[in-house]
Protein backbone atom coordinates (compact mmCIF):
# COMPACT_ATOMS: atom_id res chain seq x y z
CA MET A 1 -14.79 11.27 -14.00
CA ARG A 2 -11.31 11.16 -15.27
CA ALA A 3 -10.60 8.36 -18.16
CA GLN A 4 -8.78 5.03 -16.79
CA SER A 5 -5.58 6.24 -18.29
CA THR A 6 -5.33 9.32 -16.52
CA LYS A 7 -5.96 7.46 -13.30
CA LYS A 8 -3.02 5.24 -14.16
CA ARG A 9 -0.83 8.15 -14.76
CA PHE A 10 -1.56 9.85 -11.58
CA LEU A 11 -1.16 6.52 -9.68
CA SER A 12 2.21 5.68 -11.36
CA LEU A 13 3.40 9.07 -10.51
CA LEU A 14 2.31 8.72 -7.14
CA ALA A 15 4.40 5.54 -6.74
CA THR A 16 7.64 6.83 -8.57
CA THR A 17 8.05 10.68 -7.52
CA LEU A 18 7.41 9.67 -3.76
CA CYS A 19 10.21 7.56 -4.05
CA LEU A 20 12.82 10.41 -3.62
CA THR A 21 12.54 11.53 0.04
CA VAL A 22 13.34 14.29 2.31
CA VAL A 23 16.66 14.29 4.44
CA LEU A 24 19.93 12.56 3.58
CA ALA A 25 19.94 9.47 6.00
CA GLY A 26 23.44 8.69 7.55
CA CYS A 27 25.46 6.83 5.09
CA SER A 28 26.81 3.50 6.52
CA GLY A 29 27.26 -0.02 5.91
CA GLY A 30 26.58 0.16 2.14
CA ASN A 31 29.98 2.44 1.54
CA GLU A 32 32.08 0.32 3.81
CA SER A 33 33.97 -2.91 3.45
CA LYS A 34 32.34 -5.33 5.70
CA GLU A 35 34.04 -8.41 7.66
CA SER A 36 33.87 -11.78 5.85
CA ALA A 37 30.71 -13.90 6.16
CA THR A 38 30.13 -17.09 7.50
CA PRO A 39 30.71 -20.16 4.99
CA SER A 40 27.62 -19.95 2.59
CA SER A 41 26.13 -23.33 1.76
CA THR A 42 28.76 -23.53 -1.11
CA GLY A 43 31.80 -23.54 1.72
CA ALA A 44 33.30 -20.38 0.37
CA GLN A 45 34.15 -17.37 2.35
CA ASN A 46 32.12 -14.34 0.64
CA GLU A 47 33.64 -10.81 1.35
CA TYR A 48 31.47 -8.05 0.94
CA LYS A 49 32.75 -5.38 -1.34
CA GLU A 50 31.70 -1.80 -2.64
CA LYS A 51 32.75 -3.34 -6.00
CA TYR A 52 33.49 -6.79 -7.37
CA ASP A 53 36.41 -7.76 -9.62
CA PRO A 54 35.93 -9.78 -11.29
CA ALA A 55 32.27 -9.35 -11.48
CA VAL A 56 29.83 -11.62 -9.93
CA THR A 57 26.60 -12.80 -11.33
CA ILE A 58 23.17 -12.69 -9.71
CA THR A 59 20.62 -14.47 -11.56
CA THR A 60 16.72 -13.35 -11.34
CA ALA A 61 13.45 -13.65 -13.21
CA TRP A 62 10.93 -10.74 -13.95
CA GLY A 63 7.28 -10.02 -14.26
CA ILE A 64 7.17 -6.89 -16.14
CA ASP A 65 4.39 -4.48 -15.61
CA PRO A 66 2.51 -4.13 -18.84
CA GLU A 67 2.31 -0.54 -18.37
CA LEU A 68 6.28 -0.50 -18.03
CA LYS A 69 8.15 1.28 -21.02
CA PHE A 70 11.49 0.71 -22.87
CA LYS A 71 13.57 3.01 -24.92
CA ASN A 72 16.98 3.14 -26.80
CA GLY A 73 16.66 -0.44 -27.89
CA GLU A 74 16.66 -1.58 -24.37
CA SER A 75 14.96 -4.62 -22.70
CA MET A 76 14.20 -5.94 -19.46
CA GLU A 77 17.58 -7.99 -19.58
CA ASN A 78 19.56 -5.44 -20.95
CA ASN A 79 18.84 -1.86 -20.01
CA VAL A 80 20.39 1.33 -18.13
CA ALA A 81 19.82 -0.30 -14.84
CA THR A 82 21.75 -3.20 -15.62
CA LYS A 83 24.52 -1.50 -17.22
CA TRP A 84 24.66 0.71 -14.07
CA ALA A 85 24.91 -2.42 -11.62
CA LYS A 86 27.90 -3.82 -13.72
CA ASP A 87 29.90 -0.40 -13.74
CA LYS A 88 29.10 0.51 -10.41
CA PHE A 89 29.20 -2.70 -8.62
CA GLY A 90 30.74 -5.45 -10.47
CA ILE A 91 27.40 -7.16 -10.30
CA ASP A 92 26.50 -9.19 -13.62
CA ILE A 93 22.24 -9.44 -13.47
CA LYS A 94 21.60 -12.21 -15.68
CA SER A 95 18.10 -13.01 -16.58
CA LEU A 96 16.81 -16.42 -16.66
CA TRP A 97 13.14 -15.37 -18.00
CA SER A 98 10.75 -12.54 -18.14
CA VAL A 99 7.33 -12.55 -18.87
CA THR A 100 4.64 -9.50 -19.01
CA ASP A 101 2.52 -9.90 -15.66
CA THR A 102 -0.89 -10.05 -16.75
CA ASN A 103 -3.55 -12.34 -15.48
CA SER A 104 -0.80 -13.49 -12.79
CA ALA A 105 1.70 -14.63 -15.35
CA PHE A 106 4.52 -14.06 -13.21
CA ALA A 107 3.30 -16.00 -10.45
CA THR A 108 2.23 -18.92 -12.89
CA LYS A 109 5.61 -18.89 -14.51
CA LEU A 110 7.41 -19.14 -11.14
CA ARG A 111 5.16 -22.14 -9.90
CA LEU A 112 5.69 -23.84 -13.03
CA ALA A 113 9.65 -23.43 -12.64
CA MET A 114 9.49 -24.77 -9.34
CA SER A 115 7.41 -27.85 -9.78
CA SER A 116 9.18 -28.42 -12.64
CA GLY A 117 12.70 -28.52 -11.49
CA GLN A 118 14.16 -25.34 -13.54
CA GLU A 119 16.77 -23.25 -12.56
CA MET A 120 15.59 -21.09 -9.95
CA PRO A 121 16.58 -17.13 -9.85
CA ASP A 122 19.43 -16.58 -7.05
CA ILE A 123 17.12 -13.43 -6.18
CA VAL A 124 13.42 -13.06 -6.84
CA THR A 125 11.29 -10.21 -5.87
CA ILE A 126 7.56 -10.93 -5.52
CA GLY A 127 4.82 -8.65 -5.18
CA GLN A 128 2.01 -8.70 -2.26
CA PRO A 129 -0.55 -9.76 -4.91
CA ASP A 130 1.24 -12.97 -5.65
CA ASN A 131 2.05 -13.61 -1.84
CA LEU A 132 0.51 -17.23 -2.05
CA VAL A 133 3.57 -18.13 -4.56
CA ALA A 134 6.19 -16.24 -2.07
CA GLN A 135 4.91 -18.45 0.57
CA ASP A 136 5.03 -21.54 -1.30
CA LEU A 137 8.67 -20.92 -2.60
CA ILE A 138 9.79 -20.30 1.23
CA ASP A 139 8.23 -23.52 2.10
CA SER A 140 9.95 -25.20 -0.70
CA GLY A 141 13.26 -25.30 0.68
CA MET A 142 14.89 -23.85 -2.23
CA TYR A 143 15.57 -20.57 -0.61
CA GLN A 144 17.68 -19.52 2.48
CA GLU A 145 17.13 -18.07 5.88
CA VAL A 146 18.24 -14.49 5.35
CA GLY A 147 17.85 -13.04 9.09
CA PRO A 148 21.59 -13.52 9.56
CA LEU A 149 22.42 -12.20 6.14
CA PHE A 150 20.44 -9.34 6.73
CA ASP A 151 21.83 -8.74 10.22
CA LYS A 152 25.63 -8.79 8.83
CA TYR A 153 25.29 -7.12 5.79
CA ALA A 154 22.44 -4.54 5.59
CA SER A 155 23.27 -1.17 6.13
CA ASP A 156 22.10 1.00 8.99
CA THR A 157 19.83 3.08 6.84
CA TRP A 158 17.96 0.16 5.54
CA LYS A 159 17.97 -1.51 9.15
CA LYS A 160 16.50 1.64 10.64
CA ALA A 161 13.84 1.51 8.01
CA MET A 162 12.81 -1.89 8.47
CA GLU A 163 12.69 -1.09 12.17
CA GLN A 164 9.98 1.38 11.89
CA ASP A 165 7.36 -2.12 12.03
CA PRO A 166 9.28 -5.11 13.07
CA ASN A 167 5.93 -6.90 12.03
CA VAL A 168 6.94 -6.85 8.56
CA TRP A 169 9.03 -9.82 9.05
CA ASN A 170 5.86 -11.68 10.22
CA GLN A 171 4.55 -13.25 7.23
CA TYR A 172 8.04 -14.43 5.68
CA SER A 173 8.96 -16.04 8.86
CA ARG A 174 9.07 -19.84 10.32
CA ASP A 175 9.74 -20.80 13.60
CA GLY A 176 11.31 -17.81 14.24
CA LYS A 177 13.44 -17.95 11.34
CA ARG A 178 13.50 -14.93 8.79
CA MET A 179 13.24 -16.48 5.53
CA GLY A 180 12.40 -13.46 3.10
CA ILE A 181 13.14 -9.77 3.17
CA PRO A 182 10.22 -7.73 3.08
CA VAL A 183 10.00 -5.13 0.18
CA LEU A 184 8.99 -1.81 2.35
CA ASP A 185 6.31 0.49 1.23
CA TYR A 186 5.23 3.95 2.47
CA ALA A 187 3.26 4.26 5.75
CA TYR A 188 -0.20 5.43 6.06
CA ASN A 189 -0.45 5.33 2.05
CA ASN A 190 -4.24 3.72 2.27
CA ASP A 191 -5.25 4.90 5.32
CA TYR A 192 -8.18 7.20 5.06
CA LEU A 193 -9.91 10.14 6.44
CA LEU A 194 -13.02 11.80 4.98
CA TRP A 195 -13.11 14.17 2.46
CA ILE A 196 -15.91 16.96 2.55
CA ARG A 197 -17.52 19.71 0.63
CA GLN A 198 -16.47 22.66 2.67
CA ASP A 199 -18.46 24.70 0.47
CA TRP A 200 -21.74 23.02 1.27
CA LEU A 201 -20.91 23.29 4.89
CA ASP A 202 -19.98 26.94 4.58
CA LYS A 203 -23.23 27.73 2.79
CA LEU A 204 -25.45 25.76 5.40
CA ASN A 205 -23.49 27.42 8.45
CA LEU A 206 -22.25 24.13 9.37
CA LYS A 207 -18.97 22.84 11.27
CA ALA A 208 -17.27 19.81 10.26
CA PRO A 209 -18.71 16.82 12.16
CA THR A 210 -16.67 15.21 14.57
CA THR A 211 -19.09 12.30 15.86
CA ILE A 212 -21.36 9.79 14.23
CA ASP A 213 -24.49 12.02 15.26
CA GLU A 214 -23.04 15.39 13.77
CA LEU A 215 -22.36 13.46 10.64
CA GLU A 216 -26.19 12.41 10.35
CA VAL A 217 -27.05 15.78 10.82
CA VAL A 218 -24.87 17.00 8.09
CA MET A 219 -25.79 14.24 5.82
CA ASP A 220 -29.44 15.33 6.16
CA ALA A 221 -28.64 18.61 5.36
CA PHE A 222 -26.56 18.18 2.36
CA LYS A 223 -29.69 15.88 1.22
CA ASN A 224 -32.57 17.93 1.93
CA LYS A 225 -31.27 21.42 2.22
CA ASN A 226 -28.82 21.36 -0.61
CA PRO A 227 -26.93 24.63 -1.15
CA ASP A 228 -26.71 23.97 -4.90
CA GLY A 229 -30.14 23.60 -5.26
CA LEU A 230 -29.70 19.59 -6.05
CA ALA A 231 -33.16 17.89 -5.58
CA PRO A 232 -32.94 14.98 -2.74
CA ASP A 233 -32.74 12.55 -5.20
CA LYS A 234 -30.03 13.48 -6.77
CA VAL A 235 -27.70 14.01 -3.87
CA THR A 236 -25.36 11.33 -2.45
CA PRO A 237 -24.67 12.57 1.12
CA LEU A 238 -22.02 9.92 1.66
CA SER A 239 -20.36 7.90 -1.06
CA ILE A 240 -19.44 4.08 -0.03
CA GLY A 241 -19.45 1.13 -1.69
CA PHE A 242 -19.14 -2.33 -0.80
CA LYS A 243 -19.00 -4.51 -3.73
CA THR A 244 -16.00 -6.69 -2.73
CA SER A 245 -15.21 -5.94 0.68
CA MET A 246 -16.49 -3.64 4.04
CA ASN A 247 -12.71 -2.80 3.97
CA THR A 248 -11.09 -1.06 1.08
CA TRP A 249 -9.05 1.98 -0.04
CA MET A 250 -11.82 4.58 -1.49
CA GLY A 251 -15.45 4.77 -0.39
CA ASP A 252 -14.56 2.49 2.27
CA PRO A 253 -17.34 1.58 5.23
CA SER A 254 -14.99 0.15 7.60
CA TRP A 255 -14.83 3.21 9.79
CA VAL A 256 -18.49 3.22 10.61
CA PHE A 257 -18.09 -0.32 12.44
CA GLY A 258 -14.81 1.15 13.82
CA ALA A 259 -17.23 3.89 15.80
CA TYR A 260 -18.38 1.01 17.46
CA GLY A 261 -15.01 -0.76 18.28
CA THR A 262 -14.41 -3.28 15.33
CA LEU A 263 -12.81 -3.43 11.89
CA PRO A 264 -14.42 -5.76 9.65
CA SER A 265 -12.38 -8.33 6.94
CA GLN A 266 -9.28 -8.22 9.15
CA TRP A 267 -7.87 -9.82 12.10
CA ASN A 268 -7.86 -7.30 15.33
CA VAL A 269 -6.22 -7.89 18.81
CA GLY A 270 -9.08 -8.84 21.00
CA ALA A 271 -9.81 -8.22 24.87
CA ASP A 272 -7.92 -11.33 25.61
CA GLY A 273 -4.72 -10.56 23.63
CA LYS A 274 -5.69 -13.14 20.75
CA LEU A 275 -6.26 -12.55 17.46
CA GLU A 276 -10.04 -11.90 16.45
CA TYR A 277 -11.93 -12.05 12.90
CA GLY A 278 -13.34 -8.09 12.87
CA SER A 279 -16.50 -9.52 11.27
CA ILE A 280 -17.83 -11.47 14.14
CA ASN A 281 -17.29 -8.50 16.65
CA SER A 282 -20.58 -7.81 18.33
CA GLY A 283 -19.77 -4.29 17.52
CA MET A 284 -20.79 -5.20 13.85
CA LYS A 285 -24.29 -5.40 14.90
CA GLN A 286 -24.64 -1.73 15.43
CA GLY A 287 -22.57 -0.59 12.34
CA LEU A 288 -24.94 -2.72 10.06
CA THR A 289 -28.20 -1.18 11.90
CA LYS A 290 -26.62 2.51 11.45
CA LEU A 291 -25.91 1.40 7.60
CA ASN A 292 -29.68 0.14 7.31
CA GLU A 293 -30.37 3.50 8.70
CA TRP A 294 -28.56 5.63 6.65
CA LEU A 295 -29.91 3.38 3.41
CA THR A 296 -33.26 4.16 4.22
CA LYS A 297 -32.52 7.98 4.67
CA GLY A 298 -30.97 7.93 1.30
CA TYR A 299 -27.70 8.95 3.13
CA ILE A 300 -25.82 6.20 1.30
CA PRO A 301 -25.92 4.97 -2.35
CA GLN A 302 -29.13 2.47 -2.79
CA GLU A 303 -26.39 0.66 -5.14
CA ALA A 304 -23.53 0.68 -2.46
CA ALA A 305 -23.47 -3.09 -2.53
CA LEU A 306 -22.75 -3.06 -6.37
CA TRP A 307 -20.21 -0.32 -6.10
CA ASP A 308 -16.75 -0.77 -6.21
CA GLU A 309 -13.92 1.88 -5.43
CA ASN A 310 -13.90 3.87 -8.66
CA LYS A 311 -17.60 3.77 -8.87
CA THR A 312 -18.16 5.54 -5.36
CA ALA A 313 -15.74 8.44 -6.65
CA GLU A 314 -18.05 9.20 -9.47
CA PRO A 315 -20.84 11.19 -7.61
CA ALA A 316 -17.81 12.86 -5.67
CA VAL A 317 -16.35 14.13 -9.28
CA ALA A 318 -19.85 14.99 -10.66
CA GLY A 319 -20.12 17.41 -7.55
CA THR A 320 -23.42 15.40 -6.49
CA ALA A 321 -21.59 13.80 -3.50
CA GLY A 322 -20.92 15.51 0.02
CA ILE A 323 -18.79 13.25 1.52
CA ILE A 324 -16.39 10.42 0.60
CA PRO A 325 -14.04 8.51 2.35
CA GLY A 326 -10.03 7.83 0.96
CA PRO A 327 -6.65 8.48 1.12
CA TYR A 328 -4.71 11.51 1.93
CA TRP A 329 -3.77 11.99 -1.65
CA MET A 330 -7.24 11.98 -3.36
CA SER A 331 -7.10 15.67 -3.69
CA GLY A 332 -4.67 14.95 -6.70
CA TRP A 333 -7.05 12.25 -8.12
CA PRO A 334 -9.73 11.95 -8.27
CA LEU A 335 -11.44 14.96 -6.47
CA ILE A 336 -9.21 17.44 -8.40
CA ASP A 337 -11.71 16.97 -11.14
CA THR A 338 -14.93 18.00 -9.22
CA VAL A 339 -14.33 21.87 -10.19
CA LYS A 340 -14.34 20.95 -13.92
CA ASN A 341 -18.21 20.33 -13.19
CA VAL A 342 -18.84 22.51 -10.04
CA PRO A 343 -16.32 25.49 -10.19
CA SER A 344 -17.30 26.68 -6.76
CA ALA A 345 -16.72 22.90 -5.22
CA VAL A 346 -14.32 22.94 -2.41
CA TRP A 347 -12.85 19.86 -0.68
CA LYS A 348 -11.60 19.63 2.52
CA PRO A 349 -9.86 16.60 4.35
CA ILE A 350 -11.50 15.99 8.09
CA ALA A 351 -11.21 13.40 10.82
CA ILE A 352 -12.86 10.32 11.21
CA PRO A 353 -15.74 10.73 13.58
CA ALA A 354 -16.24 8.92 16.75
CA GLY A 355 -19.04 6.79 18.15
CA PRO A 356 -20.99 7.39 20.84
CA ASP A 357 -18.57 6.03 23.50
CA GLY A 358 -15.72 8.40 21.47
CA LYS A 359 -14.16 5.47 19.66
CA ALA A 360 -13.02 5.79 16.04
CA MET A 361 -10.99 3.25 14.35
CA ARG A 362 -9.70 2.48 10.73
CA HIS A 363 -7.91 -0.27 8.72
CA GLY A 364 -4.04 0.98 8.45
CA THR A 365 -1.69 0.26 5.80
CA GLN A 366 0.80 -2.35 5.97
CA PHE A 367 4.40 -1.29 5.60
CA VAL A 368 5.47 -4.23 3.19
CA ASN A 369 4.19 -4.72 -0.27
CA GLY A 370 6.29 -7.90 -1.40
CA VAL A 371 9.16 -10.07 -0.27
CA THR A 372 12.92 -10.80 -1.86
CA LEU A 373 13.87 -14.13 -1.53
CA ILE A 374 17.62 -15.35 -1.76
CA LYS A 375 18.24 -19.13 -3.11
CA LYS A 376 20.10 -21.34 -0.97
CA ASP A 377 23.26 -22.34 -3.17
CA MET A 378 23.47 -18.52 -4.40
CA ALA A 379 27.38 -18.21 -4.80
CA HIS A 380 27.46 -14.27 -3.42
CA PRO A 381 24.45 -13.40 -1.44
CA GLU A 382 26.74 -10.36 -0.10
CA ALA A 383 26.43 -8.91 -3.63
CA PHE A 384 22.87 -8.25 -3.24
CA PHE A 385 23.40 -6.39 -0.28
CA THR A 386 26.14 -4.02 -1.92
CA TYR A 387 23.42 -3.31 -4.53
CA GLN A 388 20.62 -2.55 -2.18
CA ASN A 389 22.48 -0.80 0.46
CA TYR A 390 23.51 1.66 -2.04
CA LEU A 391 20.06 2.51 -3.10
CA PHE A 392 18.93 2.81 0.86
CA ASP A 393 21.96 4.92 1.22
CA ASN A 394 21.91 7.04 -1.56
CA TYR A 395 18.48 6.93 -3.25
CA ALA A 396 15.73 6.28 -0.64
CA ASP A 397 16.33 9.55 0.88
CA PRO A 398 18.67 11.85 -1.15
CA ALA A 399 19.53 15.42 0.13
CA PRO A 400 19.12 18.49 -2.36
CA GLY A 401 22.13 18.58 -4.95
CA SER A 402 22.80 14.90 -4.65
CA PRO A 403 23.28 12.71 -7.81
CA TYR A 404 20.06 11.50 -7.23
CA ASP A 405 18.15 14.76 -6.47
CA ASN A 406 16.38 14.82 -10.07
CA GLY A 407 15.71 10.86 -10.48
CA LEU A 408 17.60 7.95 -10.87
CA PHE A 409 18.66 7.95 -14.64
CA ASP A 410 19.14 11.21 -16.72
CA GLY A 411 17.07 10.69 -20.15
CA TYR A 412 14.62 8.21 -18.21
CA ASP A 413 12.76 9.23 -15.19
CA TYR A 414 14.08 12.95 -15.39
CA GLN A 415 15.84 15.46 -17.73
CA LEU A 416 16.90 18.90 -17.24
CA ASP A 417 16.37 21.90 -19.80
CA ALA A 418 19.08 24.48 -20.47
CA SER A 419 18.60 26.15 -17.47
CA GLY A 420 19.07 23.41 -15.12
CA LYS A 421 14.96 22.99 -14.37
CA GLN A 422 13.33 19.63 -14.54
CA LYS A 423 11.52 19.03 -17.66
CA LYS A 424 7.77 17.54 -17.01
CA PRO A 425 7.67 14.20 -18.01
CA ASP A 426 5.92 14.24 -21.21
CA GLU A 427 8.86 16.50 -22.33
CA ILE A 428 11.41 14.12 -21.90
CA ASP A 429 13.31 13.37 -25.17
CA GLY A 430 11.78 9.99 -26.11
CA GLY A 431 9.41 9.87 -23.25
CA TYR A 432 9.56 9.04 -19.53
CA VAL A 433 10.18 5.64 -18.43
CA ASN A 434 9.68 4.58 -14.72
CA VAL A 435 12.97 3.09 -14.15
CA VAL A 436 12.84 1.99 -10.92
CA ARG A 437 10.86 -1.06 -12.37
CA TYR A 438 14.25 -2.13 -13.93
CA LEU A 439 15.89 -2.67 -10.22
CA LEU A 440 16.11 -6.08 -8.67
CA VAL A 441 13.86 -4.88 -5.89
CA ARG A 442 10.63 -3.14 -7.20
CA ASP A 443 10.46 0.52 -6.72
CA GLY A 444 14.46 0.62 -5.51
CA ALA A 445 13.99 1.73 -1.84
CA ARG A 446 11.46 3.02 0.42
CA ILE A 447 11.71 4.32 4.11
CA PRO A 448 8.05 3.79 5.21
CA ASP A 449 7.90 7.32 6.97
CA ALA A 450 9.74 9.54 4.48
CA GLN A 451 6.95 10.96 2.35
CA MET A 452 4.72 11.78 5.49
CA LYS A 453 7.91 14.17 6.67
CA ALA A 454 7.90 15.90 3.49
CA LEU A 455 4.21 16.08 3.63
CA MET A 456 4.44 17.64 7.04
CA ASN A 457 7.00 20.10 6.17
CA LEU A 458 4.91 21.29 3.60
CA ALA A 459 1.86 21.63 5.98
CA ASP A 460 3.37 23.84 8.02
CA GLY A 461 4.21 26.20 5.38
CA LYS A 462 7.78 25.51 4.13
CA GLU A 463 8.85 26.22 0.79
CA PRO A 464 9.57 23.11 -0.91
CA GLN A 465 13.20 22.36 -1.35
CA THR A 466 13.76 18.50 -1.66
CA LYS A 467 12.89 16.47 -4.69
CA LEU A 468 9.90 15.33 -3.09
CA GLU A 469 8.73 18.60 -1.56
CA LYS A 470 8.77 19.69 -5.18
CA ASP A 471 6.93 17.00 -6.68
CA VAL A 472 3.93 16.96 -3.95
CA ALA A 473 3.95 20.53 -4.69
CA VAL A 474 3.49 20.98 -8.19
CA ASN A 475 1.93 17.32 -9.08
CA TYR A 476 -0.51 16.70 -6.57
CA GLY A 477 -3.77 18.41 -5.22
CA PRO A 478 -3.58 21.39 -3.22
CA GLU A 479 -4.83 20.10 0.05
CA THR A 480 -2.53 16.99 -0.04
CA PRO A 481 -0.13 18.18 2.61
CA ALA A 482 -3.12 19.47 4.76
CA ALA A 483 -4.93 15.84 4.34
CA ALA A 484 -1.32 14.27 5.60
CA LYS A 485 -1.35 16.70 8.63
CA VAL A 486 -5.08 15.61 9.52
CA LEU A 487 -4.58 11.94 9.05
CA LEU A 488 -1.45 12.17 11.61
CA GLU A 489 -3.38 13.86 14.24
CA GLN A 490 -5.38 10.61 14.34
CA LYS A 491 -2.65 7.97 13.98
CA ASP A 492 -3.55 6.09 16.88
CA ILE A 493 -6.92 4.90 15.38
CA SER A 494 -5.22 2.80 12.48
CA PHE A 495 -5.18 -0.39 12.77
CA LYS A 496 -3.50 -2.96 10.70
CA ASN A 497 -4.59 -6.43 9.72
CA MET A 498 -2.44 -8.63 12.10
CA PHE A 499 -2.92 -11.62 10.36
CA THR A 500 -0.03 -11.35 7.77
CA GLY A 501 1.27 -15.13 7.32
CA PRO A 502 0.51 -17.64 4.78
CA THR A 503 -3.17 -19.01 3.90
CA THR A 504 -3.79 -21.40 6.80
CA LYS A 505 -4.98 -24.94 5.88
CA THR A 506 -8.47 -24.53 6.82
CA MET A 507 -8.67 -21.08 4.96
CA LYS A 508 -7.80 -22.93 1.57
CA SER A 509 -10.91 -25.15 2.05
CA LYS A 510 -13.31 -22.98 3.93
CA LEU A 511 -12.57 -19.31 3.36
CA ASP A 512 -14.72 -18.83 0.14
CA TYR A 513 -17.75 -19.98 1.71
CA LEU A 514 -17.38 -18.21 4.84
CA ASN A 515 -16.47 -15.14 2.72
CA LYS A 516 -19.76 -15.59 0.77
CA ILE A 517 -22.10 -15.95 3.86
CA GLU A 518 -20.31 -12.81 5.18
CA ASN A 519 -21.26 -10.68 2.26
CA GLN A 520 -24.63 -12.07 1.85
CA THR A 521 -26.00 -11.71 5.45
CA PHE A 522 -24.30 -8.02 5.60
CA ASN A 523 -26.04 -6.90 2.52
CA GLU A 524 -29.25 -8.49 3.34
CA ILE A 525 -29.21 -6.69 6.88
CA ILE A 526 -28.31 -3.29 5.41
CA TYR A 527 -31.11 -3.61 2.62
CA GLY A 528 -33.77 -4.76 5.33
CA LYS A 529 -34.20 -7.87 3.77
CA SER A 530 -33.27 -9.70 6.98
CA PRO A 531 -33.56 -8.49 10.82
CA VAL A 532 -30.06 -7.42 12.36
CA ASP A 533 -30.52 -10.48 14.59
CA ALA A 534 -29.56 -12.59 11.52
CA PHE A 535 -25.87 -11.34 12.23
CA ASP A 536 -26.00 -13.64 15.23
CA THR A 537 -27.05 -16.55 13.35
CA PHE A 538 -24.05 -15.71 11.02
CA VAL A 539 -21.58 -15.83 13.63
CA GLN A 540 -22.61 -19.08 14.79
CA THR A 541 -22.75 -20.73 11.36
CA TRP A 542 -19.16 -18.98 10.59
CA LYS A 543 -17.79 -20.71 13.84
CA SER A 544 -19.23 -23.87 12.97
CA GLY A 545 -18.44 -23.79 9.51
CA GLY A 546 -14.53 -23.23 9.74
CA GLY A 547 -14.16 -19.92 11.61
CA ASP A 548 -13.25 -21.40 15.05
CA GLN A 549 -10.51 -23.61 13.23
CA ILE A 550 -9.48 -21.10 11.23
CA THR A 551 -9.08 -18.65 14.32
CA GLN A 552 -7.13 -21.33 16.20
CA GLU A 553 -4.59 -21.78 13.13
CA VAL A 554 -4.15 -18.14 13.03
CA ASN A 555 -3.45 -17.61 16.67
CA GLU A 556 -1.31 -20.56 16.34
CA TRP A 557 0.78 -18.57 13.67
CA TYR A 558 0.52 -15.40 15.75
CA ASP A 559 1.82 -16.76 18.99
CA GLY A 560 5.07 -17.78 16.96
CA VAL A 561 5.89 -14.35 15.47
CA LYS A 562 4.56 -11.65 17.93
CA LYS A 563 7.35 -9.65 19.68
């Protein structure tokens, strides 16, 4: 398998190159002066401007990615992006503090500042992994309701991007008030499909499986009639793992339960319209029975309970696995390396197979990866929208030939050679810098469906023209556009975790215990140490051990936010 550093480079490239998207969105809002705002908490009338003169100040704080590079003597506090904001908008970005964000250092520092009465930043962007501190800041009363500000100042481009999934506001809302602006991410980024060894199918004269029954026929042939001559005990027909969860992003087994009508480890809408914890749905029994059968027959790894996502990729890259579940971008990493070990290997994306009743389900990717909060006494909250509107209107979706067609800052995230062609990242003078991480909002501005539009263009045979299309064609695996098409053909089977609110009172005291008994029971059933009826006992224990109370709390939250 590739070294971890290679993985990081690929995933970093995935995150940054996909920032530039397909067709120029209609510019509005960000390039027009807006009418005076309602009075701010300071009592002043604040007027939206394209550029402020004299300059206005926005204070912030940073959690710096340890992988982030600096050049030209710059720092998080003083760099090409802060100079750009001052020159372009008359916005002076003042850093109250910064910290290298390892072991949740940013969240820890924010919590300390909040509890000790230190000055808090006007604008702070908090990533999804630190969601708990974001929720605590919202509840602290230090940060203001953002809904009216967003409605008044956000550009049409930004508003339309947000409207692609109105649920993104839910976890940052209180009693119908929007208290934080969701940081949008790309759609379908971690929805998964199955990657299968097409060369094995061809040699065995088999078709890609479309049902669970057909999948079992294929797995048995991969193992016991292996076309590469591998002994049965050397083959992993289906590489999955559930060390940390039954619901993850690579080597994921949750679709097996989806074939029987549920998705574990997330909250789904039940038949009565209320939220139900998927792991206690009766369909789990059939899925657990099926995984026990597959383990007994050697279709899945004997060590699956000990395998995390990266471990499931190892037999796939080694050329000894026949199928692995994962995102549409896996042909770029890690599956592109399989041919180094087996030159004849060919991976192809296929749809999630259906269960006996024709049902298929997979977990869906949330469209949000963090939140931006605005302090109550901020003097010029409208200035943040001047900054962010520009990025949505001009950077999130640039047309060929636009100022941002190649990247954000020349000599940092791109550089052209003498003939006007882009240099490769490792050829940039002084090295490539992921400058979108210098911006007030992590990754700048993303429109959820933009990358999929570019991929679908390529899947339909279009020659790459936009920056994103060129990046995908050059830097990603050859099957990426085709995989995106397979994924979207099944878009209706993607189901997002419907509970995105703050940790409930009972979750804080009971969730660790409930997760422990869930993992233990499921593993014991899959490994044959307990009968499948142990699932019924687990459900009763879960419900009486705090689960019923959590369900009530989750649905109280859901009733308050559902549209």
